[in-house]
C-alpha cells in the first residue's frame, strides 16, 4: 500500500493549478455529499438491523484514511459523518426529489471538477488510478489544512513529489 505522502503526491501531480484546486474545494465535497445522498437509500440487512450504502461507504473510506494517517483519518471521519448526517433528510425525500437533488448535485460537482482540469490542462487523476476517487476528498482536506498552516512537513513532502503549484 502506498504511503500518505505517495498518495497525496501522486494525486497532486494532476492538481498544480491553483484554479483547479479551488474548483476541487467545491466540486469534491459536492460529489461526496451527492454520493452519500444517493447511497443512503440503499438498504443492506446485516443480521437483525439494516445499514445503508452511505454508512458503509463512510466506514470503508474512513478506515482507509486511518490506515494512511490517524490524525487525517480522524478529521475525515468527522467531515464524512457531518456530510452523512446532512444527506439523511435528502435521502428521506420522495423518490423524484431525492433523485433530482442527488444526481443534480453530483453532476454539478463533476462539472466543477472538469472546469478545474481545463485550467490544469491535465486529465483527472482517477483516469490513471481509480484510487484517486477516494484520495480526492483527503487531498482537498489536506490542501485546506496546508493553507491554514497545518501539516507543513506533509505539505513539503507532497510538493517534493508533485512539484510547485502554479497560478
Foldseek 3Di string as FASTA:
>chain_A
DDAPLVLLLLQLLLPQAPLLLVLLLQLLLLQLLLVLLVQQLAWDDDPPDIGTRLVVVLVVLLVVVCVRPVVLSVVSNVVSVVSNVVSVVLNPDPPVSSVCSSVVSNVVSVVSNVVSSVVSVDDRSCVVPVVSSSCSVSNSVVVVCVVVVPPVVSVVSSCVSNPHHDD
